[in-house]
Amino acid sequence: MGTLKEAEGLAELGLYAEAWDALDSLPAVERVMPSALRVRIDCCPHLNAWSDGMQIAKFLRHGTDINRLASANFYLELARFCVEHDELAAAKKAVHDFAATLPDAQKHLMNDPLVKLLL
């Protein structure tokens, strides 16, 4: 059975599939803790687990600052993915979700080349 620290370390090393597996081996109550969900959401873009990421982001966006930041980072990665695949409506929604998650970051967001492309 893996530990959260093991999953965090694997993700930091870029071993996202291994981190995901370590998270899956945690007891159920630990898997749904925000700290574990933050690791999982960081893995999602690298594993094309967009649907899982969207569900986690919806949950984390209403939490602490660190949880909201993890959610917002996911939304930006989702927007980039959508732009790369010519899904502009989905990209705009992801940017909107980012702005709703971190309203104080909207000025920074307006300087992002991705957002300028979508405007």
PDB file of N, CA and C in Angstrom:
ATOM      1  N   MET A   1       0.843  -1.173   0.000  1.00  0.00           N
ATOM      2  CA  MET A   1       0.000   0.000   0.000  1.00  0.00           C
ATOM      3  C   MET A   1       0.891   1.239   0.000  1.00  0.00           C
ATOM      4  N   GLY A   2       0.604   2.189  -0.912  1.00  0.00           N
ATOM      5  CA  GLY A   2       1.380   3.415  -1.020  1.00  0.00           C
ATOM      6  C   GLY A   2       0.987   4.433   0.033  1.00  0.00           C
ATOM      7  N   THR A   3       1.752   5.499   0.056  1.00  0.00           N
ATOM      8  CA  THR A   3       1.453   6.595   0.967  1.00  0.00           C
ATOM      9  C   THR A   3       1.268   7.866   0.149  1.00  0.00           C
ATOM     10  N   LEU A   4       0.673   8.866   0.767  1.00  0.00           N
ATOM     11  CA  LEU A   4       0.495  10.142   0.095  1.00  0.00           C
ATOM     12  C   LEU A   4       1.850  10.756  -0.235  1.00  0.00           C
ATOM     13  N   LYS A   5       2.797  10.665   0.680  1.00  0.00           N
ATOM     14  CA  LYS A   5       4.142  11.213   0.438  1.00  0.00           C
ATOM     15  C   LYS A   5       4.781  10.531  -0.773  1.00  0.00           C
ATOM     16  N   GLU A   6       4.585   9.235  -0.908  1.00  0.00           N
ATOM     17  CA  GLU A   6       5.110   8.505  -2.059  1.00  0.00           C
ATOM     18  C   GLU A   6       4.475   9.027  -3.345  1.00  0.00           C
ATOM     19  N   ALA A   7       3.169   9.206  -3.337  1.00  0.00           N
ATOM     20  CA  ALA A   7       2.460   9.710  -4.520  1.00  0.00           C
ATOM     21  C   ALA A   7       2.947  11.116  -4.869  1.00  0.00           C
ATOM     22  N   GLU A   8       3.113  11.967  -3.862  1.00  0.00           N
ATOM     23  CA  GLU A   8       3.612  13.326  -4.101  1.00  0.00           C
ATOM     24  C   GLU A   8       4.996  13.290  -4.730  1.00  0.00           C
ATOM     25  N   GLY A   9       5.859  12.444  -4.198  1.00  0.00           N
ATOM     26  CA  GLY A   9       7.217  12.335  -4.728  1.00  0.00           C
ATOM     27  C   GLY A   9       7.239  11.841  -6.158  1.00  0.00           C
ATOM     28  N   LEU A  10       6.426  10.857  -6.453  1.00  0.00           N
ATOM     29  CA  LEU A  10       6.361  10.332  -7.814  1.00  0.00           C
ATOM     30  C   LEU A  10       5.871  11.407  -8.785  1.00  0.00           C
ATOM     31  N   ALA A  11       4.855  12.155  -8.378  1.00  0.00           N
ATOM     32  CA  ALA A  11       4.335  13.217  -9.246  1.00  0.00           C
ATOM     33  C   ALA A  11       5.394  14.293  -9.465  1.00  0.00           C
ATOM     34  N   GLU A  12       6.114  14.652  -8.414  1.00  0.00           N
ATOM     35  CA  GLU A  12       7.175  15.653  -8.549  1.00  0.00           C
ATOM     36  C   GLU A  12       8.262  15.200  -9.511  1.00  0.00           C
ATOM     37  N   LEU A  13       8.485  13.902  -9.606  1.00  0.00           N
ATOM     38  CA  LEU A  13       9.475  13.344 -10.522  1.00  0.00           C
ATOM     39  C   LEU A  13       8.929  13.171 -11.939  1.00  0.00           C
ATOM     40  N   GLY A  14       7.666  13.487 -12.124  1.00  0.00           N
ATOM     41  CA  GLY A  14       7.055  13.333 -13.440  1.00  0.00           C
ATOM     42  C   GLY A  14       6.583  11.912 -13.716  1.00  0.00           C
ATOM     43  N   LEU A  15       6.511  11.098 -12.688  1.00  0.00           N
ATOM     44  CA  LEU A  15       6.040   9.717 -12.829  1.00  0.00           C
ATOM     45  C   LEU A  15       4.543   9.690 -12.479  1.00  0.00           C
ATOM     46  N   TYR A  16       3.765  10.267 -13.387  1.00  0.00           N
ATOM     47  CA  TYR A  16       2.357  10.514 -13.104  1.00  0.00           C
ATOM     48  C   TYR A  16       1.524   9.240 -13.018  1.00  0.00           C
ATOM     49  N   ALA A  17       1.769   8.291 -13.865  1.00  0.00           N
ATOM     50  CA  ALA A  17       1.008   7.032 -13.800  1.00  0.00           C
ATOM     51  C   ALA A  17       1.303   6.299 -12.494  1.00  0.00           C
ATOM     52  N   GLU A  18       2.555   6.315 -12.083  1.00  0.00           N
ATOM     53  CA  GLU A  18       2.930   5.674 -10.833  1.00  0.00           C
ATOM     54  C   GLU A  18       2.324   6.409  -9.634  1.00  0.00           C
ATOM     55  N   ALA A  19       2.287   7.742  -9.711  1.00  0.00           N
ATOM     56  CA  ALA A  19       1.669   8.527  -8.648  1.00  0.00           C
ATOM     57  C   ALA A  19       0.180   8.201  -8.562  1.00  0.00           C
ATOM     58  N   TRP A  20      -0.461   8.097  -9.726  1.00  0.00           N
ATOM     59  CA  TRP A  20      -1.889   7.768  -9.780  1.00  0.00           C
ATOM     60  C   TRP A  20      -2.137   6.414  -9.116  1.00  0.00           C
ATOM     61  N   ASP A  21      -1.292   5.445  -9.451  1.00  0.00           N
ATOM     62  CA  ASP A  21      -1.433   4.110  -8.858  1.00  0.00           C
ATOM     63  C   ASP A  21      -1.222   4.151  -7.348  1.00  0.00           C
ATOM     64  N   ALA A  22      -0.248   4.950  -6.907  1.00  0.00           N
ATOM     65  CA  ALA A  22      -0.009   5.073  -5.462  1.00  0.00           C
ATOM     66  C   ALA A  22      -1.234   5.675  -4.774  1.00  0.00           C
ATOM     67  N   LEU A  23      -1.854   6.653  -5.420  1.00  0.00           N
ATOM     68  CA  LEU A  23      -3.072   7.241  -4.854  1.00  0.00           C
ATOM     69  C   LEU A  23      -4.200   6.219  -4.805  1.00  0.00           C
ATOM     70  N   ASP A  24      -4.305   5.415  -5.856  1.00  0.00           N
ATOM     71  CA  ASP A  24      -5.349   4.383  -5.883  1.00  0.00           C
ATOM     72  C   ASP A  24      -5.168   3.348  -4.783  1.00  0.00           C
ATOM     73  N   SER A  25      -3.930   3.168  -4.316  1.00  0.00           N
ATOM     74  CA  SER A  25      -3.683   2.155  -3.291  1.00  0.00           C
ATOM     75  C   SER A  25      -3.909   2.678  -1.872  1.00  0.00           C
ATOM     76  N   LEU A  26      -4.180   3.968  -1.746  1.00  0.00           N
ATOM     77  CA  LEU A  26      -4.468   4.534  -0.425  1.00  0.00           C
ATOM     78  C   LEU A  26      -5.814   4.025   0.082  1.00  0.00           C
ATOM     79  N   PRO A  27      -6.003   3.996   1.397  1.00  0.00           N
ATOM     80  CA  PRO A  27      -7.331   3.676   1.927  1.00  0.00           C
ATOM     81  C   PRO A  27      -8.349   4.695   1.394  1.00  0.00           C
ATOM     82  N   ALA A  28      -9.578   4.278   1.230  1.00  0.00           N
ATOM     83  CA  ALA A  28     -10.615   5.115   0.605  1.00  0.00           C
ATOM     84  C   ALA A  28     -10.737   6.479   1.269  1.00  0.00           C
ATOM     85  N   VAL A  29     -10.679   6.531   2.572  1.00  0.00           N
ATOM     86  CA  VAL A  29     -10.841   7.805   3.272  1.00  0.00           C
ATOM     87  C   VAL A  29      -9.687   8.766   2.947  1.00  0.00           C
ATOM     88  N   GLU A  30      -8.489   8.246   2.719  1.00  0.00           N
ATOM     89  CA  GLU A  30      -7.346   9.096   2.379  1.00  0.00           C
ATOM     90  C   GLU A  30      -7.387   9.546   0.927  1.00  0.00           C
ATOM     91  N   ARG A  31      -7.963   8.741   0.042  1.00  0.00           N
ATOM     92  CA  ARG A  31      -8.041   9.079  -1.378  1.00  0.00           C
ATOM     93  C   ARG A  31      -8.855  10.330  -1.648  1.00  0.00           C
ATOM     94  N   VAL A  32      -9.810  10.618  -0.790  1.00  0.00           N
ATOM     95  CA  VAL A  32     -10.692  11.762  -1.015  1.00  0.00           C
ATOM     96  C   VAL A  32     -10.289  12.994  -0.202  1.00  0.00           C
ATOM     97  N   MET A  33      -9.183  12.916   0.485  1.00  0.00           N
ATOM     98  CA  MET A  33      -8.675  14.071   1.227  1.00  0.00           C
ATOM     99  C   MET A  33      -8.168  15.100   0.219  1.00  0.00           C
ATOM    100  N   PRO A  34      -8.361  16.381   0.495  1.00  0.00           N
ATOM    101  CA  PRO A  34      -7.895  17.413  -0.443  1.00  0.00           C
ATOM    102  C   PRO A  34      -6.423  17.283  -0.824  1.00  0.00           C
ATOM    103  N   SER A  35      -5.568  16.895   0.101  1.00  0.00           N
ATOM    104  CA  SER A  35      -4.141  16.760  -0.229  1.00  0.00           C
ATOM    105  C   SER A  35      -3.919  15.687  -1.291  1.00  0.00           C
ATOM    106  N   ALA A  36      -4.660  14.592  -1.214  1.00  0.00           N
ATOM    107  CA  ALA A  36      -4.545  13.540  -2.229  1.00  0.00           C
ATOM    108  C   ALA A  36      -5.172  13.996  -3.548  1.00  0.00           C
ATOM    109  N   LEU A  37      -6.278  14.707  -3.460  1.00  0.00           N
ATOM    110  CA  LEU A  37      -6.934  15.199  -4.680  1.00  0.00           C
ATOM    111  C   LEU A  37      -6.055  16.220  -5.408  1.00  0.00           C
ATOM    112  N   ARG A  38      -5.286  17.001  -4.656  1.00  0.00           N
ATOM    113  CA  ARG A  38      -4.368  17.951  -5.303  1.00  0.00           C
ATOM    114  C   ARG A  38      -3.292  17.222  -6.097  1.00  0.00           C
ATOM    115  N   VAL A  39      -2.787  16.131  -5.568  1.00  0.00           N
ATOM    116  CA  VAL A  39      -1.800  15.342  -6.306  1.00  0.00           C
ATOM    117  C   VAL A  39      -2.456  14.743  -7.549  1.00  0.00           C
ATOM    118  N   ARG A  40      -3.647  14.212  -7.375  1.00  0.00           N
ATOM    119  CA  ARG A  40      -4.334  13.578  -8.503  1.00  0.00           C
ATOM    120  C   ARG A  40      -4.636  14.584  -9.610  1.00  0.00           C
ATOM    121  N   ILE A  41      -5.099  15.784  -9.226  1.00  0.00           N
ATOM    122  CA  ILE A  41      -5.443  16.770 -10.250  1.00  0.00           C
ATOM    123  C   ILE A  41      -4.185  17.233 -10.996  1.00  0.00           C
ATOM    124  N   ASP A  42      -3.050  17.228 -10.314  1.00  0.00           N
ATOM    125  CA  ASP A  42      -1.796  17.559 -10.995  1.00  0.00           C
ATOM    126  C   ASP A  42      -1.415  16.491 -12.017  1.00  0.00           C
ATOM    127  N   CYS A  43      -1.809  15.266 -11.765  1.00  0.00           N
ATOM    128  CA  CYS A  43      -1.503  14.159 -12.678  1.00  0.00           C
ATOM    129  C   CYS A  43      -2.442  14.134 -13.892  1.00  0.00           C
ATOM    130  N   CYS A  44      -3.656  14.617 -13.707  1.00  0.00           N
ATOM    131  CA  CYS A  44      -4.693  14.486 -14.731  1.00  0.00           C
ATOM    132  C   CYS A  44      -4.276  14.951 -16.129  1.00  0.00           C
ATOM    133  N   PRO A  45      -3.722  16.158 -16.299  1.00  0.00           N
ATOM    134  CA  PRO A  45      -3.364  16.586 -17.655  1.00  0.00           C
ATOM    135  C   PRO A  45      -2.317  15.683 -18.313  1.00  0.00           C
ATOM    136  N   HIS A  46      -1.433  15.131 -17.518  1.00  0.00           N
ATOM    137  CA  HIS A  46      -0.359  14.293 -18.056  1.00  0.00           C
ATOM    138  C   HIS A  46      -0.847  12.905 -18.442  1.00  0.00           C
ATOM    139  N   LEU A  47      -1.996  12.528 -17.917  1.00  0.00           N
ATOM    140  CA  LEU A  47      -2.553  11.200 -18.193  1.00  0.00           C
ATOM    141  C   LEU A  47      -3.810  11.275 -19.045  1.00  0.00           C
ATOM    142  N   ASN A  48      -4.108  12.469 -19.567  1.00  0.00           N
ATOM    143  CA  ASN A  48      -5.335  12.691 -20.338  1.00  0.00           C
ATOM    144  C   ASN A  48      -6.578  12.277 -19.561  1.00  0.00           C
ATOM    145  N   ALA A  49      -6.547  12.508 -18.267  1.00  0.00           N
ATOM    146  CA  ALA A  49      -7.678  12.189 -17.400  1.00  0.00           C
ATOM    147  C   ALA A  49      -8.493  13.469 -17.174  1.00  0.00           C
ATOM    148  N   TRP A  50      -8.951  14.052 -18.276  1.00  0.00           N
ATOM    149  CA  TRP A  50      -9.631  15.351 -18.218  1.00  0.00           C
ATOM    150  C   TRP A  50     -10.946  15.288 -17.469  1.00  0.00           C
ATOM    151  N   SER A  51     -11.704  14.245 -17.665  1.00  0.00           N
ATOM    152  CA  SER A  51     -12.996  14.111 -16.989  1.00  0.00           C
ATOM    153  C   SER A  51     -12.800  14.012 -15.475  1.00  0.00           C
ATOM    154  N   ASP A  52     -11.844  13.186 -15.059  1.00  0.00           N
ATOM    155  CA  ASP A  52     -11.541  13.077 -13.629  1.00  0.00           C
ATOM    156  C   ASP A  52     -11.098  14.438 -13.090  1.00  0.00           C
ATOM    157  N   GLY A  53     -10.256  15.109 -13.836  1.00  0.00           N
ATOM    158  CA  GLY A  53      -9.755  16.413 -13.411  1.00  0.00           C
ATOM    159  C   GLY A  53     -10.867  17.429 -13.247  1.00  0.00           C
ATOM    160  N   MET A  54     -11.824  17.421 -14.161  1.00  0.00           N
ATOM    161  CA  MET A  54     -12.929  18.373 -14.060  1.00  0.00           C
ATOM    162  C   MET A  54     -13.754  18.132 -12.798  1.00  0.00           C
ATOM    163  N   GLN A  55     -13.964  16.874 -12.457  1.00  0.00           N
ATOM    164  CA  GLN A  55     -14.718  16.560 -11.241  1.00  0.00           C
ATOM    165  C   GLN A  55     -13.955  17.008  -9.999  1.00  0.00           C
ATOM    166  N   ILE A  56     -12.660  16.751  -9.978  1.00  0.00           N
ATOM    167  CA  ILE A  56     -11.842  17.146  -8.832  1.00  0.00           C
ATOM    168  C   ILE A  56     -11.780  18.671  -8.738  1.00  0.00           C
ATOM    169  N   ALA A  57     -11.614  19.332  -9.881  1.00  0.00           N
ATOM    170  CA  ALA A  57     -11.527  20.796  -9.894  1.00  0.00           C
ATOM    171  C   ALA A  57     -12.806  21.430  -9.345  1.00  0.00           C
ATOM    172  N   LYS A  58     -13.954  20.863  -9.676  1.00  0.00           N
ATOM    173  CA  LYS A  58     -15.227  21.383  -9.151  1.00  0.00           C
ATOM    174  C   LYS A  58     -15.262  21.309  -7.633  1.00  0.00           C
ATOM    175  N   PHE A  59     -14.697  20.251  -7.095  1.00  0.00           N
ATOM    176  CA  PHE A  59     -14.668  20.089  -5.647  1.00  0.00           C
ATOM    177  C   PHE A  59     -13.652  21.036  -5.001  1.00  0.00           C
ATOM    178  N   LEU A  60     -12.442  21.074  -5.541  1.00  0.00           N
ATOM    179  CA  LEU A  60     -11.369  21.860  -4.929  1.00  0.00           C
ATOM    180  C   LEU A  60     -11.575  23.366  -5.051  1.00  0.00           C
ATOM    181  N   ARG A  61     -12.293  23.805  -6.053  1.00  0.00           N
ATOM    182  CA  ARG A  61     -12.421  25.249  -6.294  1.00  0.00           C
ATOM    183  C   ARG A  61     -13.155  25.985  -5.196  1.00  0.00           C
ATOM    184  N   HIS A  62     -13.813  25.272  -4.309  1.00  0.00           N
ATOM    185  CA  HIS A  62     -14.546  25.892  -3.213  1.00  0.00           C
ATOM    186  C   HIS A  62     -13.829  25.741  -1.876  1.00  0.00           C
ATOM    187  N   GLY A  63     -12.565  25.324  -1.927  1.00  0.00           N
ATOM    188  CA  GLY A  63     -11.833  25.072  -0.686  1.00  0.00           C
ATOM    189  C   GLY A  63     -10.850  26.167  -0.318  1.00  0.00           C
ATOM    190  N   THR A  64      -9.794  25.749   0.307  1.00  0.00           N
ATOM    191  CA  THR A  64      -8.748  26.661   0.764  1.00  0.00           C
ATOM    192  C   THR A  64      -8.008  27.265  -0.426  1.00  0.00           C
ATOM    193  N   ASP A  65      -7.178  28.257  -0.141  1.00  0.00           N
ATOM    194  CA  ASP A  65      -6.408  28.898  -1.215  1.00  0.00           C
ATOM    195  C   ASP A  65      -5.597  27.894  -2.017  1.00  0.00           C
ATOM    196  N   ILE A  66      -4.939  26.965  -1.348  1.00  0.00           N
ATOM    197  CA  ILE A  66      -4.105  25.991  -2.057  1.00  0.00           C
ATOM    198  C   ILE A  66      -4.958  25.064  -2.922  1.00  0.00           C
ATOM    199  N   ASN A  67      -6.144  24.735  -2.449  1.00  0.00           N
ATOM    200  CA  ASN A  67      -7.045  23.890  -3.243  1.00  0.00           C
ATOM    201  C   ASN A  67      -7.558  24.649  -4.458  1.00  0.00           C
ATOM    202  N   ARG A  68      -7.923  25.915  -4.263  1.00  0.00           N
ATOM    203  CA  ARG A  68      -8.407  26.738  -5.373  1.00  0.00           C
ATOM    204  C   ARG A  68      -7.306  26.938  -6.408  1.00  0.00           C
ATOM    205  N   LEU A  69      -6.075  27.103  -5.962  1.00  0.00           N
ATOM    206  CA  LEU A  69      -4.963  27.257  -6.895  1.00  0.00           C
ATOM    207  C   LEU A  69      -4.764  25.990  -7.725  1.00  0.00           C
ATOM    208  N   ALA A  70      -4.842  24.831  -7.098  1.00  0.00           N
ATOM    209  CA  ALA A  70      -4.721  23.567  -7.836  1.00  0.00           C
ATOM    210  C   ALA A  70      -5.830  23.440  -8.875  1.00  0.00           C
ATOM    211  N   SER A  71      -7.030  23.819  -8.483  1.00  0.00           N
ATOM    212  CA  SER A  71      -8.166  23.780  -9.401  1.00  0.00           C
ATOM    213  C   SER A  71      -7.945  24.739 -10.564  1.00  0.00           C
ATOM    214  N   ALA A  72      -7.531  25.959 -10.266  1.00  0.00           N
ATOM    215  CA  ALA A  72      -7.305  26.965 -11.312  1.00  0.00           C
ATOM    216  C   ALA A  72      -6.212  26.528 -12.276  1.00  0.00           C
ATOM    217  N   ASN A  73      -5.139  25.971 -11.754  1.00  0.00           N
ATOM    218  CA  ASN A  73      -4.070  25.481 -12.635  1.00  0.00           C
ATOM    219  C   ASN A  73      -4.578  24.403 -13.580  1.00  0.00           C
ATOM    220  N   PHE A  74      -5.440  23.535 -13.064  1.00  0.00           N
ATOM    221  CA  PHE A  74      -6.023  22.509 -13.928  1.00  0.00           C
ATOM    222  C   PHE A  74      -6.860  23.148 -15.035  1.00  0.00           C
ATOM    223  N   TYR A  75      -7.668  24.148 -14.673  1.00  0.00           N
ATOM    224  CA  TYR A  75      -8.511  24.790 -15.681  1.00  0.00           C
ATOM    225  C   TYR A  75      -7.671  25.426 -16.793  1.00  0.00           C
ATOM    226  N   LEU A  76      -6.527  26.001 -16.450  1.00  0.00           N
ATOM    227  CA  LEU A  76      -5.663  26.566 -17.496  1.00  0.00           C
ATOM    228  C   LEU A  76      -5.092  25.478 -18.388  1.00  0.00           C
ATOM    229  N   GLU A  77      -4.688  24.365 -17.787  1.00  0.00           N
ATOM    230  CA  GLU A  77      -4.183  23.241 -18.592  1.00  0.00           C
ATOM    231  C   GLU A  77      -5.290  22.707 -19.504  1.00  0.00           C
ATOM    232  N   LEU A  78      -6.495  22.634 -18.987  1.00  0.00           N
ATOM    233  CA  LEU A  78      -7.636  22.185 -19.791  1.00  0.00           C
ATOM    234  C   LEU A  78      -7.880  23.146 -20.946  1.00  0.00           C
ATOM    235  N   ALA A  79      -7.803  24.435 -20.683  1.00  0.00           N
ATOM    236  CA  ALA A  79      -7.999  25.427 -21.747  1.00  0.00           C
ATOM    237  C   ALA A  79      -6.945  25.251 -22.842  1.00  0.00           C
ATOM    238  N   ARG A  80      -5.700  25.053 -22.447  1.00  0.00           N
ATOM    239  CA  ARG A  80      -4.622  24.838 -23.438  1.00  0.00           C
ATOM    240  C   ARG A  80      -4.898  23.592 -24.277  1.00  0.00           C
ATOM    241  N   PHE A  81      -5.305  22.517 -23.609  1.00  0.00           N
ATOM    242  CA  PHE A  81      -5.620  21.274 -24.311  1.00  0.00           C
ATOM    243  C   PHE A  81      -6.755  21.499 -25.315  1.00  0.00           C
ATOM    244  N   CYS A  82      -7.778  22.212 -24.880  1.00  0.00           N
ATOM    245  CA  CYS A  82      -8.927  22.464 -25.757  1.00  0.00           C
ATOM    246  C   CYS A  82      -8.529  23.311 -26.965  1.00  0.00           C
ATOM    247  N   VAL A  83      -7.692  24.319 -26.758  1.00  0.00           N
ATOM    248  CA  VAL A  83      -7.227  25.145 -27.875  1.00  0.00           C
ATOM    249  C   VAL A  83      -6.441  24.291 -28.860  1.00  0.00           C
ATOM    250  N   GLU A  84      -5.563  23.436 -28.341  1.00  0.00           N
ATOM    251  CA  GLU A  84      -4.764  22.566 -29.214  1.00  0.00           C
ATOM    252  C   GLU A  84      -5.639  21.652 -30.064  1.00  0.00           C
ATOM    253  N   HIS A  85      -6.823  21.349 -29.575  1.00  0.00           N
ATOM    254  CA  HIS A  85      -7.737  20.451 -30.286  1.00  0.00           C
ATOM    255  C   HIS A  85      -8.908  21.197 -30.918  1.00  0.00           C
ATOM    256  N   ASP A  86      -8.728  22.511 -31.111  1.00  0.00           N
ATOM    257  CA  ASP A  86      -9.732  23.349 -31.771  1.00  0.00           C
ATOM    258  C   ASP A  86     -11.110  23.266 -31.127  1.00  0.00           C
ATOM    259  N   GLU A  87     -11.134  23.138 -29.822  1.00  0.00           N
ATOM    260  CA  GLU A  87     -12.382  23.137 -29.064  1.00  0.00           C
ATOM    261  C   GLU A  87     -12.474  24.471 -28.320  1.00  0.00           C
ATOM    262  N   LEU A  88     -12.709  25.542 -29.078  1.00  0.00           N
ATOM    263  CA  LEU A  88     -12.641  26.879 -28.506  1.00  0.00           C
ATOM    264  C   LEU A  88     -13.739  27.161 -27.487  1.00  0.00           C
ATOM    265  N   ALA A  89     -14.927  26.635 -27.687  1.00  0.00           N
ATOM    266  CA  ALA A  89     -15.997  26.856 -26.703  1.00  0.00           C
ATOM    267  C   ALA A  89     -15.622  26.225 -25.363  1.00  0.00           C
ATOM    268  N   ALA A  90     -15.064  25.035 -25.402  1.00  0.00           N
ATOM    269  CA  ALA A  90     -14.630  24.374 -24.164  1.00  0.00           C
ATOM    270  C   ALA A  90     -13.460  25.115 -23.536  1.00  0.00           C
ATOM    271  N   ALA A  91     -12.577  25.656 -24.352  1.00  0.00           N
ATOM    272  CA  ALA A  91     -11.447  26.435 -23.838  1.00  0.00           C
ATOM    273  C   ALA A  91     -11.947  27.689 -23.135  1.00  0.00           C
ATOM    274  N   LYS A  92     -12.925  28.368 -23.730  1.00  0.00           N
ATOM    275  CA  LYS A  92     -13.484  29.568 -23.106  1.00  0.00           C
ATOM    276  C   LYS A  92     -14.149  29.230 -21.777  1.00  0.00           C
ATOM    277  N   LYS A  93     -14.840  28.096 -21.717  1.00  0.00           N
ATOM    278  CA  LYS A  93     -15.461  27.679 -20.456  1.00  0.00           C
ATOM    279  C   LYS A  93     -14.390  27.409 -19.408  1.00  0.00           C
ATOM    280  N   ALA A  94     -13.305  26.774 -19.799  1.00  0.00           N
ATOM    281  CA  ALA A  94     -12.227  26.491 -18.848  1.00  0.00           C
ATOM    282  C   ALA A  94     -11.612  27.789 -18.320  1.00  0.00           C
ATOM    283  N   VAL A  95     -11.440  28.774 -19.193  1.00  0.00           N
ATOM    284  CA  VAL A  95     -10.919  30.078 -18.754  1.00  0.00           C
ATOM    285  C   VAL A  95     -11.914  30.753 -17.818  1.00  0.00           C
ATOM    286  N   HIS A  96     -13.188  30.657 -18.137  1.00  0.00           N
ATOM    287  CA  HIS A  96     -14.226  31.204 -17.251  1.00  0.00           C
ATOM    288  C   HIS A  96     -14.165  30.526 -15.886  1.00  0.00           C
ATOM    289  N   ASP A  97     -14.018  29.197 -15.879  1.00  0.00           N
ATOM    290  CA  ASP A  97     -13.930  28.463 -14.615  1.00  0.00           C
ATOM    291  C   ASP A  97     -12.690  28.888 -13.827  1.00  0.00           C
ATOM    292  N   PHE A  98     -11.581  29.128 -14.541  1.00  0.00           N
ATOM    293  CA  PHE A  98     -10.375  29.635 -13.880  1.00  0.00           C
ATOM    294  C   PHE A  98     -10.684  30.960 -13.194  1.00  0.00           C
ATOM    295  N   ALA A  99     -11.286  31.885 -13.933  1.00  0.00           N
ATOM    296  CA  ALA A  99     -11.571  33.219 -13.397  1.00  0.00           C
ATOM    297  C   ALA A  99     -12.536  33.148 -12.213  1.00  0.00           C
ATOM    298  N   ALA A 100     -13.488  32.248 -12.259  1.00  0.00           N
ATOM    299  CA  ALA A 100     -14.429  32.095 -11.151  1.00  0.00           C
ATOM    300  C   ALA A 100     -13.753  31.473  -9.931  1.00  0.00           C
ATOM    301  N   THR A 101     -12.756  30.650 -10.175  1.00  0.00           N
ATOM    302  CA  THR A 101     -12.043  29.987  -9.083  1.00  0.00           C
ATOM    303  C   THR A 101     -11.074  30.930  -8.391  1.00  0.00           C
ATOM    304  N   LEU A 102     -10.388  31.757  -9.182  1.00  0.00           N
ATOM    305  CA  LEU A 102      -9.406  32.710  -8.643  1.00  0.00           C
ATOM    306  C   LEU A 102      -9.714  34.112  -9.155  1.00  0.00           C
ATOM    307  N   PRO A 103     -10.747  34.747  -8.645  1.00  0.00           N
ATOM    308  CA  PRO A 103     -11.115  36.076  -9.153  1.00  0.00           C
ATOM    309  C   PRO A 103      -9.986  37.098  -9.035  1.00  0.00           C
ATOM    310  N   ASP A 104      -9.131  36.977  -8.027  1.00  0.00           N
ATOM    311  CA  ASP A 104      -8.036  37.937  -7.853  1.00  0.00           C
ATOM    312  C   ASP A 104      -6.962  37.799  -8.926  1.00  0.00           C
ATOM    313  N   ALA A 105      -6.972  36.712  -9.666  1.00  0.00           N
ATOM    314  CA  ALA A 105      -5.945  36.479 -10.681  1.00  0.00           C
ATOM    315  C   ALA A 105      -6.384  36.917 -12.072  1.00  0.00           C
ATOM    316  N   GLN A 106      -7.524  37.555 -12.184  1.00  0.00           N
ATOM    317  CA  GLN A 106      -8.038  37.912 -13.507  1.00  0.00           C
ATOM    318  C   GLN A 106      -7.121  38.861 -14.258  1.00  0.00           C
ATOM    319  N   LYS A 107      -6.469  39.806 -13.570  1.00  0.00           N
ATOM    320  CA  LYS A 107      -5.540  40.709 -14.257  1.00  0.00           C
ATOM    321  C   LYS A 107      -4.384  39.922 -14.866  1.00  0.00           C
ATOM    322  N   HIS A 108      -3.839  38.979 -14.094  1.00  0.00           N
ATOM    323  CA  HIS A 108      -2.760  38.129 -14.590  1.00  0.00           C
ATOM    324  C   HIS A 108      -3.247  37.309 -15.785  1.00  0.00           C
ATOM    325  N   LEU A 109      -4.454  36.829 -15.686  1.00  0.00           N
ATOM    326  CA  LEU A 109      -5.031  36.005 -16.741  1.00  0.00           C
ATOM    327  C   LEU A 109      -5.125  36.764 -18.053  1.00  0.00           C
ATOM    328  N   MET A 110      -5.416  38.036 -17.989  1.00  0.00           N
ATOM    329  CA  MET A 110      -5.564  38.835 -19.210  1.00  0.00           C
ATOM    330  C   MET A 110      -4.239  38.980 -19.958  1.00  0.00           C
ATOM    331  N   ASN A 111      -3.118  38.738 -19.297  1.00  0.00           N
ATOM    332  CA  ASN A 111      -1.811  38.808 -19.947  1.00  0.00           C
ATOM    333  C   ASN A 111      -1.376  37.467 -20.534  1.00  0.00           C
ATOM    334  N   ASP A 112      -2.132  36.432 -20.269  1.00  0.00           N
ATOM    335  CA  ASP A 112      -1.792  35.101 -20.766  1.00  0.00           C
ATOM    336  C   ASP A 112      -2.095  35.034 -22.266  1.00  0.00           C
ATOM    337  N   PRO A 113      -1.119  34.611 -23.083  1.00  0.00           N
ATOM    338  CA  PRO A 113      -1.343  34.531 -24.530  1.00  0.00           C
ATOM    339  C   PRO A 113      -2.524  33.656 -24.916  1.00  0.00           C
ATOM    340  N   LEU A 114      -2.768  32.616 -24.137  1.00  0.00           N
ATOM    341  CA  LEU A 114      -3.899  31.728 -24.412  1.00  0.00           C
ATOM    342  C   LEU A 114      -5.215  32.496 -24.307  1.00  0.00           C
ATOM    343  N   VAL A 115      -5.337  33.284 -23.261  1.00  0.00           N
ATOM    344  CA  VAL A 115      -6.573  34.034 -23.044  1.00  0.00           C
ATOM    345  C   VAL A 115      -6.734  35.096 -24.136  1.00  0.00           C
ATOM    346  N   LYS A 116      -5.656  35.745 -24.511  1.00  0.00           N
ATOM    347  CA  LYS A 116      -5.722  36.745 -25.579  1.00  0.00           C
ATOM    348  C   LYS A 116      -6.214  36.107 -26.877  1.00  0.00           C
ATOM    349  N   LEU A 117      -5.821  34.879 -27.119  1.00  0.00           N
ATOM    350  CA  LEU A 117      -6.266  34.166 -28.317  1.00  0.00           C
ATOM    351  C   LEU A 117      -7.771  33.940 -28.290  1.00  0.00           C
ATOM    352  N   LEU A 118      -8.309  33.700 -27.107  1.00  0.00           N
ATOM    353  CA  LEU A 118      -9.722  33.371 -26.978  1.00  0.00           C
ATOM    354  C   LEU A 118     -10.627  34.591 -26.961  1.00  0.00           C
ATOM    355  N   LEU A 119     -10.065  35.768 -26.713  1.00  0.00           N
ATOM    356  CA  LEU A 119     -10.876  36.986 -26.645  1.00  0.00           C
ATOM    357  C   LEU A 119     -11.209  37.531 -28.016  1.00  0.00           C
TER     358      LEU A 119
END
